[in-house]
PDB file of N, CA and C in Angstrom:
ATOM      1  N   UNK A   1      12.121  -3.111 -70.341  1.00  0.00           N
ATOM      2  CA  UNK A   1      11.678  -2.912 -68.854  1.00  0.00           C
ATOM      3  C   UNK A   1      11.152  -4.141 -68.603  1.00  0.00           C
ATOM      4  N   UNK A   2      11.422  -4.898 -69.282  1.00  0.00           N
ATOM      5  CA  UNK A   2      10.085  -5.872 -68.514  1.00  0.00           C
ATOM      6  C   UNK A   2      10.685  -6.634 -67.771  1.00  0.00           C
ATOM      7  N   UNK A   3      11.842  -5.983 -67.042  1.00  0.00           N
ATOM      8  CA  UNK A   3      12.631  -7.007 -65.627  1.00  0.00           C
ATOM      9  C   UNK A   3      12.357  -5.902 -64.766  1.00  0.00           C
ATOM     10  N   UNK A   4      11.562  -5.317 -64.606  1.00  0.00           N
ATOM     11  CA  UNK A   4      10.888  -4.128 -63.960  1.00  0.00           C
ATOM     12  C   UNK A   4       9.176  -4.548 -63.931  1.00  0.00           C
ATOM     13  N   UNK A   5       9.064  -5.782 -64.092  1.00  0.00           N
ATOM     14  CA  UNK A   5       7.321  -6.294 -64.118  1.00  0.00           C
ATOM     15  C   UNK A   5       7.181  -7.378 -63.309  1.00  0.00           C
ATOM     16  N   UNK A   6       5.895  -6.989 -62.608  1.00  0.00           N
ATOM     17  CA  UNK A   6       5.946  -8.328 -61.790  1.00  0.00           C
ATOM     18  C   UNK A   6       4.572  -8.961 -62.171  1.00  0.00           C
ATOM     19  N   UNK A   7       4.456  -9.863 -62.916  1.00  0.00           N
ATOM     20  CA  UNK A   7       3.059 -10.631 -63.306  1.00  0.00           C
ATOM     21  C   UNK A   7       2.676 -11.853 -62.653  1.00  0.00           C
ATOM     22  N   UNK A   8       1.235 -11.845 -62.579  1.00  0.00           N
ATOM     23  CA  UNK A   8       0.113 -12.543 -61.880  1.00  0.00           C
ATOM     24  C   UNK A   8      -0.536 -12.937 -62.506  1.00  0.00           C
ATOM     25  N   UNK A   9      -1.204 -13.981 -63.167  1.00  0.00           N
ATOM     26  CA  UNK A   9      -2.138 -14.865 -63.480  1.00  0.00           C
ATOM     27  C   UNK A   9      -3.051 -15.509 -62.837  1.00  0.00           C
ATOM     28  N   UNK A  10      -4.435 -15.079 -63.816  1.00  0.00           N
ATOM     29  CA  UNK A  10      -6.004 -15.940 -63.392  1.00  0.00           C
ATOM     30  C   UNK A  10      -5.519 -14.761 -61.704  1.00  0.00           C
ATOM     31  N   UNK A  11      -5.622 -13.031 -62.296  1.00  0.00           N
ATOM     32  CA  UNK A  11      -5.925 -12.634 -61.260  1.00  0.00           C
ATOM     33  C   UNK A  11      -7.198 -12.262 -60.657  1.00  0.00           C
ATOM     34  N   UNK A  12      -8.278 -12.228 -61.362  1.00  0.00           N
ATOM     35  CA  UNK A  12      -9.246 -11.397 -60.756  1.00  0.00           C
ATOM     36  C   UNK A  12     -10.061 -13.202 -60.388  1.00  0.00           C
ATOM     37  N   UNK A  13      -9.787 -13.833 -61.023  1.00  0.00           N
ATOM     38  CA  UNK A  13     -10.501 -15.508 -60.673  1.00  0.00           C
ATOM     39  C   UNK A  13      -9.790 -15.971 -59.493  1.00  0.00           C
ATOM     40  N   UNK A  14      -8.730 -15.626 -58.810  1.00  0.00           N
ATOM     41  CA  UNK A  14      -8.283 -15.986 -57.754  1.00  0.00           C
ATOM     42  C   UNK A  14      -7.835 -15.275 -56.754  1.00  0.00           C
ATOM     43  N   UNK A  15      -8.861 -13.400 -57.267  1.00  0.00           N
ATOM     44  CA  UNK A  15      -8.044 -12.892 -55.911  1.00  0.00           C
ATOM     45  C   UNK A  15      -6.999 -12.541 -55.691  1.00  0.00           C
ATOM     46  N   UNK A  16      -5.881 -12.032 -56.219  1.00  0.00           N
ATOM     47  CA  UNK A  16      -4.688 -12.440 -56.203  1.00  0.00           C
ATOM     48  C   UNK A  16      -4.133 -10.702 -55.922  1.00  0.00           C
ATOM     49  N   UNK A  17      -4.952  -9.739 -55.807  1.00  0.00           N
ATOM     50  CA  UNK A  17      -4.532  -8.301 -55.628  1.00  0.00           C
ATOM     51  C   UNK A  17      -3.851  -8.439 -54.440  1.00  0.00           C
ATOM     52  N   UNK A  18      -3.820  -8.397 -53.140  1.00  0.00           N
ATOM     53  CA  UNK A  18      -3.200  -8.650 -52.160  1.00  0.00           C
ATOM     54  C   UNK A  18      -1.948  -9.191 -52.275  1.00  0.00           C
ATOM     55  N   UNK A  19      -2.103 -10.633 -52.937  1.00  0.00           N
ATOM     56  CA  UNK A  19      -0.605 -10.892 -53.195  1.00  0.00           C
ATOM     57  C   UNK A  19       0.393 -10.173 -54.037  1.00  0.00           C
ATOM     58  N   UNK A  20       0.130  -9.176 -55.395  1.00  0.00           N
ATOM     59  CA  UNK A  20       0.764  -8.478 -56.038  1.00  0.00           C
ATOM     60  C   UNK A  20       0.968  -7.211 -55.548  1.00  0.00           C
ATOM     61  N   UNK A  21       0.193  -6.261 -54.481  1.00  0.00           N
ATOM     62  CA  UNK A  21       0.977  -5.511 -53.718  1.00  0.00           C
ATOM     63  C   UNK A  21       1.459  -5.779 -52.963  1.00  0.00           C
ATOM     64  N   UNK A  22       1.449  -6.935 -52.526  1.00  0.00           N
ATOM     65  CA  UNK A  22       2.609  -7.901 -51.270  1.00  0.00           C
ATOM     66  C   UNK A  22       4.168  -7.522 -51.745  1.00  0.00           C
ATOM     67  N   UNK A  23       4.089  -7.867 -53.268  1.00  0.00           N
ATOM     68  CA  UNK A  23       5.610  -8.018 -54.095  1.00  0.00           C
ATOM     69  C   UNK A  23       5.939  -6.720 -54.141  1.00  0.00           C
ATOM     70  N   UNK A  24       5.005  -6.004 -54.665  1.00  0.00           N
ATOM     71  CA  UNK A  24       5.171  -4.403 -54.751  1.00  0.00           C
ATOM     72  C   UNK A  24       5.919  -3.653 -53.880  1.00  0.00           C
ATOM     73  N   UNK A  25       4.891  -4.056 -52.548  1.00  0.00           N
ATOM     74  CA  UNK A  25       5.556  -3.572 -51.223  1.00  0.00           C
ATOM     75  C   UNK A  25       7.373  -3.570 -51.274  1.00  0.00           C
ATOM     76  N   UNK A  26       7.638  -5.539 -51.752  1.00  0.00           N
ATOM     77  CA  UNK A  26       8.906  -5.799 -51.606  1.00  0.00           C
ATOM     78  C   UNK A  26      10.010  -4.961 -52.804  1.00  0.00           C
ATOM     79  N   UNK A  27       9.536  -4.480 -53.748  1.00  0.00           N
ATOM     80  CA  UNK A  27       9.714  -4.223 -55.116  1.00  0.00           C
ATOM     81  C   UNK A  27       8.809  -2.701 -55.754  1.00  0.00           C
ATOM     82  N   UNK A  28       9.115  -1.386 -55.227  1.00  0.00           N
ATOM     83  CA  UNK A  28       8.345  -0.574 -55.547  1.00  0.00           C
ATOM     84  C   UNK A  28       9.198   0.442 -56.640  1.00  0.00           C
ATOM     85  N   UNK A  29      10.190  -0.754 -57.270  1.00  0.00           N
ATOM     86  CA  UNK A  29      10.415   0.207 -58.368  1.00  0.00           C
ATOM     87  C   UNK A  29       9.449  -0.669 -59.879  1.00  0.00           C
ATOM     88  N   UNK A  30       8.936  -1.591 -59.645  1.00  0.00           N
ATOM     89  CA  UNK A  30       8.391  -2.577 -60.332  1.00  0.00           C
ATOM     90  C   UNK A  30       7.001  -2.299 -60.567  1.00  0.00           C
ATOM     91  N   UNK A  31       6.502  -2.255 -62.500  1.00  0.00           N
ATOM     92  CA  UNK A  31       4.644  -2.180 -62.229  1.00  0.00           C
ATOM     93  C   UNK A  31       4.332  -3.850 -61.951  1.00  0.00           C
ATOM     94  N   UNK A  32       2.704  -3.767 -61.273  1.00  0.00           N
ATOM     95  CA  UNK A  32       2.840  -4.966 -61.373  1.00  0.00           C
ATOM     96  C   UNK A  32       1.430  -4.916 -62.054  1.00  0.00           C
ATOM     97  N   UNK A  33       1.215  -6.458 -63.255  1.00  0.00           N
ATOM     98  CA  UNK A  33       0.653  -6.716 -63.952  1.00  0.00           C
ATOM     99  C   UNK A  33      -0.482  -8.142 -63.834  1.00  0.00           C
ATOM    100  N   UNK A  34      -1.326  -8.004 -63.434  1.00  0.00           N
ATOM    101  CA  UNK A  34      -2.375  -8.754 -62.991  1.00  0.00           C
ATOM    102  C   UNK A  34      -3.492  -9.488 -64.361  1.00  0.00           C
ATOM    103  N   UNK A  35      -2.786 -10.515 -64.868  1.00  0.00           N
ATOM    104  CA  UNK A  35      -3.551 -10.914 -66.114  1.00  0.00           C
ATOM    105  C   UNK A  35      -4.982 -11.518 -65.859  1.00  0.00           C
ATOM    106  N   UNK A  36      -6.004 -11.400 -66.686  1.00  0.00           N
ATOM    107  CA  UNK A  36      -7.106 -12.609 -65.975  1.00  0.00           C
ATOM    108  C   UNK A  36      -6.872 -13.698 -67.134  1.00  0.00           C
ATOM    109  N   UNK A  37      -8.150 -14.777 -66.721  1.00  0.00           N
ATOM    110  CA  UNK A  37      -8.105 -15.806 -67.870  1.00  0.00           C
ATOM    111  C   UNK A  37      -8.087 -15.530 -69.167  1.00  0.00           C
ATOM    112  N   UNK A  38      -7.954 -16.189 -69.979  1.00  0.00           N
ATOM    113  CA  UNK A  38      -8.179 -16.034 -71.591  1.00  0.00           C
ATOM    114  C   UNK A  38      -7.849 -14.555 -71.937  1.00  0.00           C
ATOM    115  N   UNK A  39      -6.842 -13.764 -71.084  1.00  0.00           N
ATOM    116  CA  UNK A  39      -6.380 -12.551 -71.723  1.00  0.00           C
ATOM    117  C   UNK A  39      -4.784 -12.135 -71.786  1.00  0.00           C
ATOM    118  N   UNK A  40      -4.133 -11.242 -72.725  1.00  0.00           N
ATOM    119  CA  UNK A  40      -2.986 -11.408 -72.713  1.00  0.00           C
ATOM    120  C   UNK A  40      -2.315 -10.020 -73.031  1.00  0.00           C
ATOM    121  N   UNK A  41      -0.832  -9.703 -72.311  1.00  0.00           N
ATOM    122  CA  UNK A  41      -0.749  -8.031 -72.456  1.00  0.00           C
ATOM    123  C   UNK A  41       0.850  -8.401 -73.504  1.00  0.00           C
ATOM    124  N   UNK A  42       0.259  -7.809 -74.661  1.00  0.00           N
ATOM    125  CA  UNK A  42       1.612  -7.551 -75.462  1.00  0.00           C
ATOM    126  C   UNK A  42       2.336  -6.680 -75.109  1.00  0.00           C
ATOM    127  N   UNK A  43       3.693  -6.583 -75.395  1.00  0.00           N
ATOM    128  CA  UNK A  43       4.713  -5.743 -74.610  1.00  0.00           C
ATOM    129  C   UNK A  43       5.124  -5.136 -75.962  1.00  0.00           C
ATOM    130  N   UNK A  44       5.619  -4.518 -76.599  1.00  0.00           N
ATOM    131  CA  UNK A  44       6.368  -3.829 -78.095  1.00  0.00           C
ATOM    132  C   UNK A  44       7.120  -3.523 -77.154  1.00  0.00           C
ATOM    133  N   UNK A  45       8.178  -2.772 -78.015  1.00  0.00           N
ATOM    134  CA  UNK A  45       9.614  -2.430 -78.370  1.00  0.00           C
ATOM    135  C   UNK A  45       9.625  -1.634 -77.538  1.00  0.00           C
ATOM    136  N   UNK A  46       8.742  -0.765 -77.798  1.00  0.00           N
ATOM    137  CA  UNK A  46       8.552   0.990 -77.086  1.00  0.00           C
ATOM    138  C   UNK A  46       8.106   0.783 -75.906  1.00  0.00           C
ATOM    139  N   UNK A  47       7.858  -0.595 -74.743  1.00  0.00           N
ATOM    140  CA  UNK A  47       7.439  -0.976 -73.558  1.00  0.00           C
ATOM    141  C   UNK A  47       5.975  -0.292 -73.297  1.00  0.00           C
ATOM    142  N   UNK A  48       5.091  -0.611 -74.450  1.00  0.00           N
ATOM    143  CA  UNK A  48       3.878  -0.061 -74.348  1.00  0.00           C
ATOM    144  C   UNK A  48       2.742  -1.518 -74.251  1.00  0.00           C
ATOM    145  N   UNK A  49       2.266  -1.523 -73.414  1.00  0.00           N
ATOM    146  CA  UNK A  49       1.384  -3.035 -73.057  1.00  0.00           C
ATOM    147  C   UNK A  49       0.391  -2.926 -73.990  1.00  0.00           C
ATOM    148  N   UNK A  50      -0.933  -3.627 -74.788  1.00  0.00           N
ATOM    149  CA  UNK A  50      -2.086  -3.750 -75.549  1.00  0.00           C
ATOM    150  C   UNK A  50      -2.700  -4.886 -74.555  1.00  0.00           C
ATOM    151  N   UNK A  51      -3.740  -4.808 -74.496  1.00  0.00           N
ATOM    152  CA  UNK A  51      -4.258  -5.984 -73.676  1.00  0.00           C
ATOM    153  C   UNK A  51      -5.036  -6.557 -75.058  1.00  0.00           C
ATOM    154  N   UNK A  52      -5.314  -7.694 -75.010  1.00  0.00           N
ATOM    155  CA  UNK A  52      -6.063  -8.876 -75.799  1.00  0.00           C
ATOM    156  C   UNK A  52      -6.560  -9.744 -75.294  1.00  0.00           C
ATOM    157  N   UNK A  53      -7.982 -10.381 -75.386  1.00  0.00           N
ATOM    158  CA  UNK A  53      -8.701 -11.005 -75.116  1.00  0.00           C
ATOM    159  C   UNK A  53      -9.899 -10.424 -74.199  1.00  0.00           C
ATOM    160  N   UNK A  54     -10.609 -11.859 -73.756  1.00  0.00           N
ATOM    161  CA  UNK A  54     -11.930 -11.476 -73.121  1.00  0.00           C
ATOM    162  C   UNK A  54     -11.742 -11.163 -71.912  1.00  0.00           C
ATOM    163  N   UNK A  55     -10.695 -11.247 -70.857  1.00  0.00           N
ATOM    164  CA  UNK A  55     -10.847 -10.193 -69.573  1.00  0.00           C
ATOM    165  C   UNK A  55     -10.209  -8.938 -69.476  1.00  0.00           C
ATOM    166  N   UNK A  56      -9.508  -8.700 -68.892  1.00  0.00           N
ATOM    167  CA  UNK A  56      -9.043  -7.522 -68.247  1.00  0.00           C
ATOM    168  C   UNK A  56      -7.848  -7.906 -67.829  1.00  0.00           C
ATOM    169  N   UNK A  57      -6.648  -6.446 -67.396  1.00  0.00           N
ATOM    170  CA  UNK A  57      -5.327  -6.530 -67.080  1.00  0.00           C
ATOM    171  C   UNK A  57      -5.606  -5.786 -65.637  1.00  0.00           C
ATOM    172  N   UNK A  58      -4.991  -6.034 -64.926  1.00  0.00           N
ATOM    173  CA  UNK A  58      -5.090  -4.705 -63.896  1.00  0.00           C
ATOM    174  C   UNK A  58      -3.639  -4.595 -63.631  1.00  0.00           C
ATOM    175  N   UNK A  59      -3.193  -3.128 -63.461  1.00  0.00           N
ATOM    176  CA  UNK A  59      -2.194  -2.816 -63.659  1.00  0.00           C
ATOM    177  C   UNK A  59      -1.983  -1.954 -62.284  1.00  0.00           C
ATOM    178  N   UNK A  60      -1.144  -2.210 -61.489  1.00  0.00           N
ATOM    179  CA  UNK A  60      -0.702  -1.491 -60.479  1.00  0.00           C
ATOM    180  C   UNK A  60       0.640  -0.882 -60.193  1.00  0.00           C
ATOM    181  N   UNK A  61       0.364   0.368 -60.118  1.00  0.00           N
ATOM    182  CA  UNK A  61       1.403   1.156 -60.294  1.00  0.00           C
ATOM    183  C   UNK A  61       1.948   2.277 -59.018  1.00  0.00           C
ATOM    184  N   UNK A  62       3.127   1.597 -58.247  1.00  0.00           N
ATOM    185  CA  UNK A  62       3.342   2.626 -57.380  1.00  0.00           C
ATOM    186  C   UNK A  62       4.797   3.132 -57.050  1.00  0.00           C
ATOM    187  N   UNK A  63       4.721   3.869 -58.564  1.00  0.00           N
ATOM    188  CA  UNK A  63       5.846   5.086 -58.581  1.00  0.00           C
ATOM    189  C   UNK A  63       5.131   5.839 -57.593  1.00  0.00           C
ATOM    190  N   UNK A  64       4.168   6.450 -57.338  1.00  0.00           N
ATOM    191  CA  UNK A  64       4.028   7.664 -56.296  1.00  0.00           C
ATOM    192  C   UNK A  64       3.483   7.050 -55.056  1.00  0.00           C
ATOM    193  N   UNK A  65       4.044   5.273 -54.421  1.00  0.00           N
ATOM    194  CA  UNK A  65       4.213   5.099 -53.342  1.00  0.00           C
ATOM    195  C   UNK A  65       4.764   6.338 -51.912  1.00  0.00           C
ATOM    196  N   UNK A  66       3.758   6.823 -51.480  1.00  0.00           N
ATOM    197  CA  UNK A  66       4.581   7.596 -49.970  1.00  0.00           C
ATOM    198  C   UNK A  66       4.731   6.664 -49.189  1.00  0.00           C
ATOM    199  N   UNK A  67       4.192   5.932 -48.529  1.00  0.00           N
ATOM    200  CA  UNK A  67       4.629   5.195 -47.601  1.00  0.00           C
ATOM    201  C   UNK A  67       3.894   3.893 -47.284  1.00  0.00           C
ATOM    202  N   UNK A  68       5.111   2.680 -47.097  1.00  0.00           N
ATOM    203  CA  UNK A  68       4.896   1.200 -47.333  1.00  0.00           C
ATOM    204  C   UNK A  68       5.389   1.104 -45.621  1.00  0.00           C
ATOM    205  N   UNK A  69       4.615   0.460 -45.036  1.00  0.00           N
ATOM    206  CA  UNK A  69       5.094  -0.081 -43.685  1.00  0.00           C
ATOM    207  C   UNK A  69       5.434  -1.884 -43.819  1.00  0.00           C
ATOM    208  N   UNK A  70       5.909  -2.071 -44.954  1.00  0.00           N
ATOM    209  CA  UNK A  70       6.445  -3.585 -45.403  1.00  0.00           C
ATOM    210  C   UNK A  70       7.553  -3.363 -44.361  1.00  0.00           C
ATOM    211  N   UNK A  71       8.727  -2.346 -44.364  1.00  0.00           N
ATOM    212  CA  UNK A  71       9.764  -2.443 -43.150  1.00  0.00           C
ATOM    213  C   UNK A  71       9.806  -3.327 -41.875  1.00  0.00           C
ATOM    214  N   UNK A  72       8.680  -2.761 -41.340  1.00  0.00           N
ATOM    215  CA  UNK A  72       8.033  -2.638 -40.011  1.00  0.00           C
ATOM    216  C   UNK A  72       7.575  -4.307 -39.916  1.00  0.00           C
ATOM    217  N   UNK A  73       7.121  -4.108 -41.082  1.00  0.00           N
ATOM    218  CA  UNK A  73       5.868  -5.696 -40.835  1.00  0.00           C
ATOM    219  C   UNK A  73       6.074  -6.911 -40.239  1.00  0.00           C
ATOM    220  N   UNK A  74       5.271  -7.249 -39.496  1.00  0.00           N
ATOM    221  CA  UNK A  74       5.755  -8.935 -39.130  1.00  0.00           C
ATOM    222  C   UNK A  74       4.993  -9.915 -40.403  1.00  0.00           C
ATOM    223  N   UNK A  75       4.988 -11.044 -40.133  1.00  0.00           N
ATOM    224  CA  UNK A  75       4.586 -11.846 -41.318  1.00  0.00           C
ATOM    225  C   UNK A  75       3.421 -11.747 -41.244  1.00  0.00           C
ATOM    226  N   UNK A  76       2.254 -11.993 -40.440  1.00  0.00           N
ATOM    227  CA  UNK A  76       0.970 -12.040 -40.530  1.00  0.00           C
ATOM    228  C   UNK A  76       0.521 -10.645 -40.459  1.00  0.00           C
ATOM    229  N   UNK A  77       1.110  -9.590 -40.033  1.00  0.00           N
ATOM    230  CA  UNK A  77       0.548  -7.838 -39.984  1.00  0.00           C
ATOM    231  C   UNK A  77       0.040  -7.649 -41.341  1.00  0.00           C
ATOM    232  N   UNK A  78      -0.956  -7.013 -42.129  1.00  0.00           N
ATOM    233  CA  UNK A  78      -1.220  -6.189 -42.735  1.00  0.00           C
ATOM    234  C   UNK A  78      -0.725  -4.805 -43.142  1.00  0.00           C
ATOM    235  N   UNK A  79      -0.595  -4.690 -44.197  1.00  0.00           N
ATOM    236  CA  UNK A  79       0.858  -3.849 -45.152  1.00  0.00           C
ATOM    237  C   UNK A  79      -0.206  -2.226 -44.654  1.00  0.00           C
ATOM    238  N   UNK A  80       0.359  -1.302 -44.772  1.00  0.00           N
ATOM    239  CA  UNK A  80       0.039  -0.383 -45.326  1.00  0.00           C
ATOM    240  C   UNK A  80       0.768   0.847 -46.372  1.00  0.00           C
ATOM    241  N   UNK A  81      -0.045   0.617 -47.453  1.00  0.00           N
ATOM    242  CA  UNK A  81       0.559   1.325 -48.556  1.00  0.00           C
ATOM    243  C   UNK A  81      -0.444   2.581 -48.715  1.00  0.00           C
ATOM    244  N   UNK A  82       0.516   3.721 -49.477  1.00  0.00           N
ATOM    245  CA  UNK A  82      -0.358   4.944 -49.342  1.00  0.00           C
ATOM    246  C   UNK A  82       0.670   5.389 -50.752  1.00  0.00           C
ATOM    247  N   UNK A  83      -0.661   5.826 -51.964  1.00  0.00           N
ATOM    248  CA  UNK A  83       0.138   6.544 -53.225  1.00  0.00           C
ATOM    249  C   UNK A  83      -0.092   5.324 -54.194  1.00  0.00           C
ATOM    250  N   UNK A  84      -1.345   4.804 -54.161  1.00  0.00           N
ATOM    251  CA  UNK A  84      -0.840   3.297 -54.979  1.00  0.00           C
ATOM    252  C   UNK A  84      -2.045   3.535 -56.222  1.00  0.00           C
ATOM    253  N   UNK A  85      -1.550   3.336 -57.280  1.00  0.00           N
ATOM    254  CA  UNK A  85      -2.421   3.849 -58.739  1.00  0.00           C
ATOM    255  C   UNK A  85      -3.011   2.585 -59.421  1.00  0.00           C
ATOM    256  N   UNK A  86      -4.235   1.929 -59.615  1.00  0.00           N
ATOM    257  CA  UNK A  86      -4.791   1.029 -59.887  1.00  0.00           C
ATOM    258  C   UNK A  86      -5.524   1.148 -61.328  1.00  0.00           C
ATOM    259  N   UNK A  87      -5.007   0.554 -62.311  1.00  0.00           N
ATOM    260  CA  UNK A  87      -5.810   0.774 -63.657  1.00  0.00           C
ATOM    261  C   UNK A  87      -6.257  -0.749 -64.203  1.00  0.00           C
ATOM    262  N   UNK A  88      -7.747  -0.889 -64.731  1.00  0.00           N
ATOM    263  CA  UNK A  88      -8.017  -1.896 -65.311  1.00  0.00           C
ATOM    264  C   UNK A  88      -8.107  -1.373 -66.472  1.00  0.00           C
ATOM    265  N   UNK A  89      -8.180  -2.802 -67.462  1.00  0.00           N
ATOM    266  CA  UNK A  89      -8.129  -2.248 -69.011  1.00  0.00           C
ATOM    267  C   UNK A  89      -8.553  -3.511 -69.768  1.00  0.00           C
ATOM    268  N   UNK A  90      -9.084  -3.288 -70.573  1.00  0.00           N
ATOM    269  CA  UNK A  90      -9.598  -3.945 -71.381  1.00  0.00           C
ATOM    270  C   UNK A  90      -9.262  -4.778 -72.584  1.00  0.00           C
ATOM    271  N   UNK A  91      -9.963  -5.494 -73.708  1.00  0.00           N
ATOM    272  CA  UNK A  91      -9.430  -5.665 -74.932  1.00  0.00           C
ATOM    273  C   UNK A  91      -9.446  -4.355 -75.755  1.00  0.00           C
ATOM    274  N   UNK A  92      -7.934  -4.089 -76.202  1.00  0.00           N
ATOM    275  CA  UNK A  92      -7.610  -2.732 -76.635  1.00  0.00           C
ATOM    276  C   UNK A  92      -7.160  -1.950 -75.907  1.00  0.00           C
ATOM    277  N   UNK A  93      -7.191  -2.083 -74.628  1.00  0.00           N
ATOM    278  CA  UNK A  93      -6.751  -0.617 -73.899  1.00  0.00           C
ATOM    279  C   UNK A  93      -5.209  -0.676 -73.683  1.00  0.00           C
ATOM    280  N   UNK A  94      -4.701   0.342 -73.635  1.00  0.00           N
ATOM    281  CA  UNK A  94      -3.082   0.619 -73.695  1.00  0.00           C
ATOM    282  C   UNK A  94      -2.533   0.989 -72.513  1.00  0.00           C
ATOM    283  N   UNK A  95      -0.824   0.650 -72.007  1.00  0.00           N
ATOM    284  CA  UNK A  95      -0.482   1.012 -70.741  1.00  0.00           C
ATOM    285  C   UNK A  95       1.298   1.441 -71.528  1.00  0.00           C
ATOM    286  N   UNK A  96       1.505   2.741 -71.062  1.00  0.00           N
ATOM    287  CA  UNK A  96       2.745   2.814 -71.587  1.00  0.00           C
ATOM    288  C   UNK A  96       3.610   2.794 -70.159  1.00  0.00           C
ATOM    289  N   UNK A  97       4.191   2.022 -70.097  1.00  0.00           N
ATOM    290  CA  UNK A  97       5.375   1.860 -69.437  1.00  0.00           C
ATOM    291  C   UNK A  97       6.279   2.771 -68.563  1.00  0.00           C
ATOM    292  N   UNK A  98       6.890   3.755 -69.833  1.00  0.00           N
ATOM    293  CA  UNK A  98       7.828   4.902 -69.386  1.00  0.00           C
ATOM    294  C   UNK A  98       7.251   5.758 -68.809  1.00  0.00           C
ATOM    295  N   UNK A  99       6.520   6.233 -69.349  1.00  0.00           N
ATOM    296  CA  UNK A  99       5.411   7.902 -68.792  1.00  0.00           C
ATOM    297  C   UNK A  99       4.386   6.985 -67.709  1.00  0.00           C
ATOM    298  N   UNK A 100       3.835   5.855 -67.613  1.00  0.00           N
ATOM    299  CA  UNK A 100       3.058   5.510 -66.896  1.00  0.00           C
ATOM    300  C   UNK A 100       1.618   6.030 -66.984  1.00  0.00           C
ATOM    301  N   UNK A 101       1.079   5.677 -67.986  1.00  0.00           N
ATOM    302  CA  UNK A 101      -0.455   6.463 -68.430  1.00  0.00           C
ATOM    303  C   UNK A 101      -1.169   5.399 -69.246  1.00  0.00           C
ATOM    304  N   UNK A 102      -2.263   5.129 -68.763  1.00  0.00           N
ATOM    305  CA  UNK A 102      -3.203   4.611 -69.052  1.00  0.00           C
ATOM    306  C   UNK A 102      -3.991   5.046 -70.311  1.00  0.00           C
ATOM    307  N   UNK A 103      -4.477   4.595 -70.837  1.00  0.00           N
ATOM    308  CA  UNK A 103      -5.479   4.661 -72.356  1.00  0.00           C
ATOM    309  C   UNK A 103      -6.857   3.647 -72.834  1.00  0.00           C
ATOM    310  N   UNK A 104      -7.923   4.262 -72.472  1.00  0.00           N
ATOM    311  CA  UNK A 104      -8.897   3.015 -72.649  1.00  0.00           C
ATOM    312  C   UNK A 104      -8.758   2.411 -74.163  1.00  0.00           C
ATOM    313  N   UNK A 105      -9.921   1.435 -74.297  1.00  0.00           N
ATOM    314  CA  UNK A 105      -9.781   0.802 -75.787  1.00  0.00           C
ATOM    315  C   UNK A 105     -10.795   1.889 -76.597  1.00  0.00           C
ATOM    316  N   UNK A 106     -10.110   1.878 -77.830  1.00  0.00           N
ATOM    317  CA  UNK A 106     -10.859   2.409 -78.567  1.00  0.00           C
ATOM    318  C   UNK A 106     -12.249   2.879 -78.859  1.00  0.00           C
ATOM    319  N   UNK A 107     -12.982   3.688 -78.539  1.00  0.00           N
ATOM    320  CA  UNK A 107     -14.598   3.650 -79.322  1.00  0.00           C
ATOM    321  C   UNK A 107     -14.471   2.695 -80.319  1.00  0.00           C
ATOM    322  N   UNK A 108     -15.745   2.461 -80.124  1.00  0.00           N
ATOM    323  CA  UNK A 108     -16.474   1.370 -81.443  1.00  0.00           C
ATOM    324  C   UNK A 108     -17.967   1.416 -81.814  1.00  0.00           C
ATOM    325  N   UNK A 109     -17.862   1.711 -82.995  1.00  0.00           N
ATOM    326  CA  UNK A 109     -19.374   2.461 -83.576  1.00  0.00           C
ATOM    327  C   UNK A 109     -19.990   0.904 -83.777  1.00  0.00           C
ATOM    328  N   UNK A 110     -21.283   0.017 -82.978  1.00  0.00           N
ATOM    329  CA  UNK A 110     -21.510  -0.861 -83.780  1.00  0.00           C
ATOM    330  C   UNK A 110     -23.010  -0.578 -84.457  1.00  0.00           C
ATOM    331  N   UNK A 111     -23.055  -0.653 -85.881  1.00  0.00           N
ATOM    332  CA  UNK A 111     -24.397  -0.476 -86.203  1.00  0.00           C
ATOM    333  C   UNK A 111     -25.079  -1.757 -86.553  1.00  0.00           C
ATOM    334  N   UNK A 112     -26.159  -1.651 -86.685  1.00  0.00           N
ATOM    335  CA  UNK A 112     -26.583  -2.995 -86.820  1.00  0.00           C
ATOM    336  C   UNK A 112     -27.325  -2.996 -87.956  1.00  0.00           C
ATOM    337  N   UNK A 113     -26.877  -3.650 -88.830  1.00  0.00           N
ATOM    338  CA  UNK A 113     -27.337  -4.357 -89.901  1.00  0.00           C
ATOM    339  C   UNK A 113     -28.581  -5.111 -90.415  1.00  0.00           C
ATOM    340  N   UNK A 114     -29.725  -4.966 -91.243  1.00  0.00           N
ATOM    341  CA  UNK A 114     -30.462  -5.176 -91.427  1.00  0.00           C
ATOM    342  C   UNK A 114     -30.817  -6.067 -92.404  1.00  0.00           C
TER     343      UNK A 114
END
């Protein structure tokens, strides 16, 4: 499934959500992955993504897109997109690309030692 993923890096640091949304408006079959600095998205053979690192990944899912004005828009026009899902996952979070399901990182129980 990795041929159906659009990846953008330095995502939140360079405010690239608009750029990724525009790419997905042209390719609504894809899943968008925005990778923060010092963060990785490992994709296993079952097409499940695991987040590792100090930042987050932003997942943009347009599979439920009900409207896009991309076909009518001129170069400088804003784009109307309805039905976009957005997930922001941190270290240990996962996303199953086949079912388009996001799960938070496992809960941790930090106990202080004395």
